[in-house]
C-alpha atoms as a PDB file:
ATOM      1  CA  UNK A   1     -35.588-115.304-114.354  1.00  0.00           C
ATOM      2  CA  UNK A   2     -39.009-115.305-115.972  1.00  0.00           C
ATOM      3  CA  UNK A   3     -41.583-117.722-114.508  1.00  0.00           C
ATOM      4  CA  UNK A   4     -42.366-120.757-116.491  1.00  0.00           C
ATOM      5  CA  UNK A   5     -45.689-120.323-118.299  1.00  0.00           C
ATOM      6  CA  UNK A   6     -48.669-122.539-117.635  1.00  0.00           C
ATOM      7  CA  UNK A   7     -49.112-125.171-120.345  1.00  0.00           C
ATOM      8  CA  UNK A   8     -52.055-125.730-122.669  1.00  0.00           C
ATOM      9  CA  UNK A   9     -54.169-122.581-122.421  1.00  0.00           C
ATOM     10  CA  UNK A  10     -57.778-123.528-122.747  1.00  0.00           C
ATOM     11  CA  UNK A  11     -58.349-121.001-125.520  1.00  0.00           C
ATOM     12  CA  UNK A  12     -56.371-123.269-127.841  1.00  0.00           C
ATOM     13  CA  UNK A  13     -56.667-126.761-126.509  1.00  0.00           C
ATOM     14  CA  UNK A  14     -59.314-129.219-127.806  1.00  0.00           C
ATOM     15  CA  UNK A  15     -61.434-131.395-125.567  1.00  0.00           C
ATOM     16  CA  UNK A  16     -60.218-134.924-124.794  1.00  0.00           C
ATOM     17  CA  UNK A  17     -63.356-136.272-126.650  1.00  0.00           C
ATOM     18  CA  UNK A  18     -62.478-134.396-129.760  1.00  0.00           C
ATOM     19  CA  UNK A  19     -58.861-135.677-129.550  1.00  0.00           C
ATOM     20  CA  UNK A  20     -60.180-139.267-129.149  1.00  0.00           C
ATOM     21  CA  UNK A  21     -62.429-138.953-132.176  1.00  0.00           C
ATOM     22  CA  UNK A  22     -59.547-137.742-134.207  1.00  0.00           C
ATOM     23  CA  UNK A  23     -57.414-140.699-133.140  1.00  0.00           C
ATOM     24  CA  UNK A  24     -55.014-138.883-130.824  1.00  0.00           C
ATOM     25  CA  UNK A  25     -53.294-141.670-128.980  1.00  0.00           C
ATOM     26  CA  UNK A  26     -52.200-139.258-126.184  1.00  0.00           C
ATOM     27  CA  UNK A  27     -55.870-138.420-125.443  1.00  0.00           C
ATOM     28  CA  UNK A  28     -56.788-142.074-125.487  1.00  0.00           C
ATOM     29  CA  UNK A  29     -54.075-142.688-122.916  1.00  0.00           C
ATOM     30  CA  UNK A  30     -55.471-139.771-120.651  1.00  0.00           C
ATOM     31  CA  UNK A  31     -58.897-141.174-121.151  1.00  0.00           C
ATOM     32  CA  UNK A  32     -57.764-144.476-119.754  1.00  0.00           C
ATOM     33  CA  UNK A  33     -56.123-142.833-116.766  1.00  0.00           C
ATOM     34  CA  UNK A  34     -59.368-140.842-116.267  1.00  0.00           C
ATOM     35  CA  UNK A  35     -61.981-143.622-116.503  1.00  0.00           C
ATOM     36  CA  UNK A  36     -60.162-146.895-115.566  1.00  0.00           C
ATOM     37  CA  UNK A  37     -60.778-146.489-111.774  1.00  0.00           C
ATOM     38  CA  UNK A  38     -64.478-145.794-112.310  1.00  0.00           C
ATOM     39  CA  UNK A  39     -65.034-148.724-114.724  1.00  0.00           C
ATOM     40  CA  UNK A  40     -63.213-151.021-112.433  1.00  0.00           C
ATOM     41  CA  UNK A  41     -65.428-149.786-109.501  1.00  0.00           C
ATOM     42  CA  UNK A  42     -68.517-150.548-111.601  1.00  0.00           C
ATOM     43  CA  UNK A  43     -67.187-154.080-112.326  1.00  0.00           C
ATOM     44  CA  UNK A  44     -66.507-154.824-108.807  1.00  0.00           C
ATOM     45  CA  UNK A  45     -69.801-153.335-107.529  1.00  0.00           C
ATOM     46  CA  UNK A  46     -71.728-155.616-109.950  1.00  0.00           C
ATOM     47  CA  UNK A  47     -69.894-158.638-108.484  1.00  0.00           C
ATOM     48  CA  UNK A  48     -67.121-159.173-110.987  1.00  0.00           C
ATOM     49  CA  UNK A  49     -64.142-160.746-109.228  1.00  0.00           C
ATOM     50  CA  UNK A  50     -60.956-158.742-108.724  1.00  0.00           C
ATOM     51  CA  UNK A  51     -59.004-160.879-111.211  1.00  0.00           C
ATOM     52  CA  UNK A  52     -61.621-160.521-113.818  1.00  0.00           C
ATOM     53  CA  UNK A  53     -62.456-156.777-113.504  1.00  0.00           C
ATOM     54  CA  UNK A  54     -59.383-155.642-115.307  1.00  0.00           C
ATOM     55  CA  UNK A  55     -60.159-157.981-118.263  1.00  0.00           C
ATOM     56  CA  UNK A  56     -63.806-156.529-118.349  1.00  0.00           C
ATOM     57  CA  UNK A  57     -62.406-153.019-118.167  1.00  0.00           C
ATOM     58  CA  UNK A  58     -60.231-153.726-121.248  1.00  0.00           C
ATOM     59  CA  UNK A  59     -63.297-155.004-123.161  1.00  0.00           C
ATOM     60  CA  UNK A  60     -65.107-151.818-122.216  1.00  0.00           C
ATOM     61  CA  UNK A  61     -62.231-149.767-123.690  1.00  0.00           C
ATOM     62  CA  UNK A  62     -62.303-151.761-126.923  1.00  0.00           C
ATOM     63  CA  UNK A  63     -66.027-151.086-127.337  1.00  0.00           C
ATOM     64  CA  UNK A  64     -65.582-147.465-126.677  1.00  0.00           C
ATOM     65  CA  UNK A  65     -62.915-147.173-129.285  1.00  0.00           C
ATOM     66  CA  UNK A  66     -65.203-149.016-131.755  1.00  0.00           C
ATOM     67  CA  UNK A  67     -68.425-147.087-130.905  1.00  0.00           C
ATOM     68  CA  UNK A  68     -67.199-143.556-129.980  1.00  0.00           C
ATOM     69  CA  UNK A  69     -68.359-142.125-133.241  1.00  0.00           C
ATOM     70  CA  UNK A  70     -71.853-143.084-132.377  1.00  0.00           C
ATOM     71  CA  UNK A  71     -72.013-141.095-129.088  1.00  0.00           C
ATOM     72  CA  UNK A  72     -74.566-138.385-129.337  1.00  0.00           C
ATOM     73  CA  UNK A  73     -76.266-136.024-126.943  1.00  0.00           C
ATOM     74  CA  UNK A  74     -79.604-136.103-128.559  1.00  0.00           C
ATOM     75  CA  UNK A  75     -81.516-135.255-125.387  1.00  0.00           C
ATOM     76  CA  UNK A  76     -80.743-132.988-122.431  1.00  0.00           C
ATOM     77  CA  UNK A  77     -80.495-136.064-120.147  1.00  0.00           C
ATOM     78  CA  UNK A  78     -77.972-137.919-122.353  1.00  0.00           C
ATOM     79  CA  UNK A  79     -74.463-138.040-120.950  1.00  0.00           C
ATOM     80  CA  UNK A  80     -71.160-139.662-121.780  1.00  0.00           C
ATOM     81  CA  UNK A  81     -71.194-141.077-118.299  1.00  0.00           C
ATOM     82  CA  UNK A  82     -74.540-142.811-118.867  1.00  0.00           C
ATOM     83  CA  UNK A  83     -73.368-143.988-122.290  1.00  0.00           C
ATOM     84  CA  UNK A  84     -70.238-145.448-120.819  1.00  0.00           C
ATOM     85  CA  UNK A  85     -72.220-147.158-118.104  1.00  0.00           C
ATOM     86  CA  UNK A  86     -74.400-148.785-120.692  1.00  0.00           C
ATOM     87  CA  UNK A  87     -71.330-150.173-122.523  1.00  0.00           C
ATOM     88  CA  UNK A  88     -69.857-151.380-119.213  1.00  0.00           C
ATOM     89  CA  UNK A  89     -73.131-153.043-118.159  1.00  0.00           C
ATOM     90  CA  UNK A  90     -73.270-154.839-121.442  1.00  0.00           C
ATOM     91  CA  UNK A  91     -69.645-156.136-120.993  1.00  0.00           C
ATOM     92  CA  UNK A  92     -70.306-157.178-117.438  1.00  0.00           C
ATOM     93  CA  UNK A  93     -73.342-159.220-118.617  1.00  0.00           C
ATOM     94  CA  UNK A  94     -71.096-160.838-121.288  1.00  0.00           C
ATOM     95  CA  UNK A  95     -68.719-161.737-118.645  1.00  0.00           C
ATOM     96  CA  UNK A  96     -71.347-163.424-116.452  1.00  0.00           C
ATOM     97  CA  UNK A  97     -72.852-165.194-119.434  1.00  0.00           C
ATOM     98  CA  UNK A  98     -69.537-166.502-120.486  1.00  0.00           C
ATOM     99  CA  UNK A  99     -68.771-167.633-116.893  1.00  0.00           C
ATOM    100  CA  UNK A 100     -72.127-169.548-116.754  1.00  0.00           C
ATOM    101  CA  UNK A 101     -71.047-171.533-119.887  1.00  0.00           C
ATOM    102  CA  UNK A 102     -67.744-172.724-118.460  1.00  0.00           C
ATOM    103  CA  UNK A 103     -67.395-176.383-117.422  1.00  0.00           C
ATOM    104  CA  UNK A 104     -69.481-177.384-114.498  1.00  0.00           C
ATOM    105  CA  UNK A 105     -66.278-178.688-112.753  1.00  0.00           C
ATOM    106  CA  UNK A 106     -65.322-175.034-111.917  1.00  0.00           C
ATOM    107  CA  UNK A 107     -68.130-174.759-109.332  1.00  0.00           C
ATOM    108  CA  UNK A 108     -70.930-177.150-110.111  1.00  0.00           C
ATOM    109  CA  UNK A 109     -74.512-176.169-110.476  1.00  0.00           C
ATOM    110  CA  UNK A 110     -74.219-173.845-107.454  1.00  0.00           C
ATOM    111  CA  UNK A 111     -71.669-171.732-109.464  1.00  0.00           C
ATOM    112  CA  UNK A 112     -74.077-171.575-112.382  1.00  0.00           C
ATOM    113  CA  UNK A 113     -76.894-170.290-110.216  1.00  0.00           C
ATOM    114  CA  UNK A 114     -74.519-167.638-108.686  1.00  0.00           C
ATOM    115  CA  UNK A 115     -73.412-166.432-112.151  1.00  0.00           C
ATOM    116  CA  UNK A 116     -77.020-166.125-113.222  1.00  0.00           C
ATOM    117  CA  UNK A 117     -77.973-164.336-110.031  1.00  0.00           C
ATOM    118  CA  UNK A 118     -75.175-161.783-110.523  1.00  0.00           C
ATOM    119  CA  UNK A 119     -76.227-161.165-114.069  1.00  0.00           C
ATOM    120  CA  UNK A 120     -79.799-160.587-113.075  1.00  0.00           C
ATOM    121  CA  UNK A 121     -78.814-158.008-110.467  1.00  0.00           C
ATOM    122  CA  UNK A 122     -76.777-155.725-112.689  1.00  0.00           C
ATOM    123  CA  UNK A 123     -78.938-152.569-112.765  1.00  0.00           C
ATOM    124  CA  UNK A 124     -80.008-151.165-116.116  1.00  0.00           C
ATOM    125  CA  UNK A 125     -79.328-147.504-115.090  1.00  0.00           C
ATOM    126  CA  UNK A 126     -77.267-146.020-112.380  1.00  0.00           C
ATOM    127  CA  UNK A 127     -79.135-144.466-109.306  1.00  0.00           C
ATOM    128  CA  UNK A 128     -78.908-140.733-109.139  1.00  0.00           C
ATOM    129  CA  UNK A 129     -77.043-140.846-105.806  1.00  0.00           C
ATOM    130  CA  UNK A 130     -74.483-143.339-107.209  1.00  0.00           C
ATOM    131  CA  UNK A 131     -74.117-141.249-110.464  1.00  0.00           C
ATOM    132  CA  UNK A 132     -73.211-138.189-108.421  1.00  0.00           C
ATOM    133  CA  UNK A 133     -70.481-140.145-106.520  1.00  0.00           C
ATOM    134  CA  UNK A 134     -69.194-141.401-109.935  1.00  0.00           C
ATOM    135  CA  UNK A 135     -69.066-137.867-111.277  1.00  0.00           C
ATOM    136  CA  UNK A 136     -66.972-136.832-108.306  1.00  0.00           C
ATOM    137  CA  UNK A 137     -64.577-139.773-108.993  1.00  0.00           C
ATOM    138  CA  UNK A 138     -64.155-138.695-112.487  1.00  0.00           C
ATOM    139  CA  UNK A 139     -63.688-134.986-111.420  1.00  0.00           C
ATOM    140  CA  UNK A 140     -60.945-135.994-108.986  1.00  0.00           C
ATOM    141  CA  UNK A 141     -59.204-137.998-111.642  1.00  0.00           C
ATOM    142  CA  UNK A 142     -59.491-135.136-114.160  1.00  0.00           C
ATOM    143  CA  UNK A 143     -57.960-132.773-111.604  1.00  0.00           C
ATOM    144  CA  UNK A 144     -54.986-135.124-111.036  1.00  0.00           C
ATOM    145  CA  UNK A 145     -54.450-135.211-114.871  1.00  0.00           C
ATOM    146  CA  UNK A 146     -53.843-131.440-114.909  1.00  0.00           C
ATOM    147  CA  UNK A 147     -51.250-131.433-112.007  1.00  0.00           C
ATOM    148  CA  UNK A 148     -48.263-131.132-114.116  1.00  0.00           C
ATOM    149  CA  UNK A 149     -49.583-128.506-116.415  1.00  0.00           C
ATOM    150  CA  UNK A 150     -49.410-125.625-113.974  1.00  0.00           C
ATOM    151  CA  UNK A 151     -46.818-123.894-111.794  1.00  0.00           C
ATOM    152  CA  UNK A 152     -46.750-125.486-108.342  1.00  0.00           C
ATOM    153  CA  UNK A 153     -48.003-122.329-106.614  1.00  0.00           C
ATOM    154  CA  UNK A 154     -50.885-122.088-109.058  1.00  0.00           C
ATOM    155  CA  UNK A 155     -51.777-125.693-108.353  1.00  0.00           C
ATOM    156  CA  UNK A 156     -51.502-125.378-104.616  1.00  0.00           C
ATOM    157  CA  UNK A 157     -53.690-122.281-104.641  1.00  0.00           C
ATOM    158  CA  UNK A 158     -56.274-124.097-106.599  1.00  0.00           C
ATOM    159  CA  UNK A 159     -56.351-127.223-104.427  1.00  0.00           C
ATOM    160  CA  UNK A 160     -56.509-125.248-101.203  1.00  0.00           C
ATOM    161  CA  UNK A 161     -59.317-123.039-102.341  1.00  0.00           C
ATOM    162  CA  UNK A 162     -61.425-125.190-104.850  1.00  0.00           C
ATOM    163  CA  UNK A 163     -60.887-128.572-103.313  1.00  0.00           C
ATOM    164  CA  UNK A 164     -60.174-127.968 -99.595  1.00  0.00           C
ATOM    165  CA  UNK A 165     -62.626-125.133 -99.435  1.00  0.00           C
ATOM    166  CA  UNK A 166     -60.275-122.582 -97.660  1.00  0.00           C
ATOM    167  CA  UNK A 167     -60.710-118.885 -97.751  1.00  0.00           C
ATOM    168  CA  UNK A 168     -58.770-117.084-100.508  1.00  0.00           C
ATOM    169  CA  UNK A 169     -57.362-114.658 -98.006  1.00  0.00           C
ATOM    170  CA  UNK A 170     -55.959-117.396 -95.798  1.00  0.00           C
ATOM    171  CA  UNK A 171     -54.438-119.192 -98.763  1.00  0.00           C
ATOM    172  CA  UNK A 172     -52.995-115.997-100.109  1.00  0.00           C
ATOM    173  CA  UNK A 173     -51.152-115.276 -96.807  1.00  0.00           C
ATOM    174  CA  UNK A 174     -49.882-118.893 -96.564  1.00  0.00           C
ATOM    175  CA  UNK A 175     -48.546-118.950-100.143  1.00  0.00           C
ATOM    176  CA  UNK A 176     -47.410-115.280-100.143  1.00  0.00           C
ATOM    177  CA  UNK A 177     -49.643-114.542-103.042  1.00  0.00           C
ATOM    178  CA  UNK A 178     -52.175-111.735-103.687  1.00  0.00           C
ATOM    179  CA  UNK A 179     -55.828-112.584-103.429  1.00  0.00           C
ATOM    180  CA  UNK A 180     -56.145-111.684-107.111  1.00  0.00           C
ATOM    181  CA  UNK A 181     -53.509-114.222-107.907  1.00  0.00           C
ATOM    182  CA  UNK A 182     -55.432-116.874-105.849  1.00  0.00           C
ATOM    183  CA  UNK A 183     -58.721-116.255-107.814  1.00  0.00           C
ATOM    184  CA  UNK A 184     -56.834-116.278-111.005  1.00  0.00           C
ATOM    185  CA  UNK A 185     -55.264-119.640-110.212  1.00  0.00           C
ATOM    186  CA  UNK A 186     -58.687-121.084-109.486  1.00  0.00           C
ATOM    187  CA  UNK A 187     -60.196-119.549-112.751  1.00  0.00           C
ATOM    188  CA  UNK A 188     -57.413-120.889-114.953  1.00  0.00           C
ATOM    189  CA  UNK A 189     -57.650-124.505-113.614  1.00  0.00           C
ATOM    190  CA  UNK A 190     -61.404-124.585-113.746  1.00  0.00           C
ATOM    191  CA  UNK A 191     -61.269-123.185-117.249  1.00  0.00           C
ATOM    192  CA  UNK A 192     -58.947-126.056-118.223  1.00  0.00           C
ATOM    193  CA  UNK A 193     -61.154-128.582-116.651  1.00  0.00           C
ATOM    194  CA  UNK A 194     -64.189-127.267-118.533  1.00  0.00           C
ATOM    195  CA  UNK A 195     -62.278-127.013-121.804  1.00  0.00           C
ATOM    196  CA  UNK A 196     -60.951-130.588-121.874  1.00  0.00           C
ATOM    197  CA  UNK A 197     -63.388-132.538-119.687  1.00  0.00           C
ATOM    198  CA  UNK A 198     -66.768-130.806-119.776  1.00  0.00           C
ATOM    199  CA  UNK A 199     -68.344-133.523-122.040  1.00  0.00           C
ATOM    200  CA  UNK A 200     -67.704-136.097-119.402  1.00  0.00           C
ATOM    201  CA  UNK A 201     -69.518-134.260-116.527  1.00  0.00           C
END
């Protein structure tokens, strides 16, 4: 029986961002899976309570849908990651401002002081160290999104070599594959990652 072919060869697939701009609902769903964990982390890191972080995240997605056509990489240092953080920061500040206007009975003047303090401490930009951690978070999510698109042996080879850092020869022996097949598996999946997600890294 012939082996099942891998899906979505990168030579024909479009990037997720292209699909989103074209109104592809499937790509919007994948975008939500890719970025929800990161946006939620940003909200919690800024001091947004657990029960409110999901609501702020939804507000971020609405803003992205409305403004995606405005995203441009005019300068080398511009990134989607930075653009998304800017939107998220704005929505976090909106959340704190709205909380500060709620009836005093929900916490008195001390609550108002706390909301204002949290708003004042939301950074304008991400620190480079934190940005690198966030990129790794996005990368891990992107890898997981591709899991079902490849044969199990191809996927296992990629994870063991590219993610776990094991030697191709050892992985080839373990999976009963040739070393050439191991390198090919790594190449095919990395090519898919670049094809669909490169604009996000």
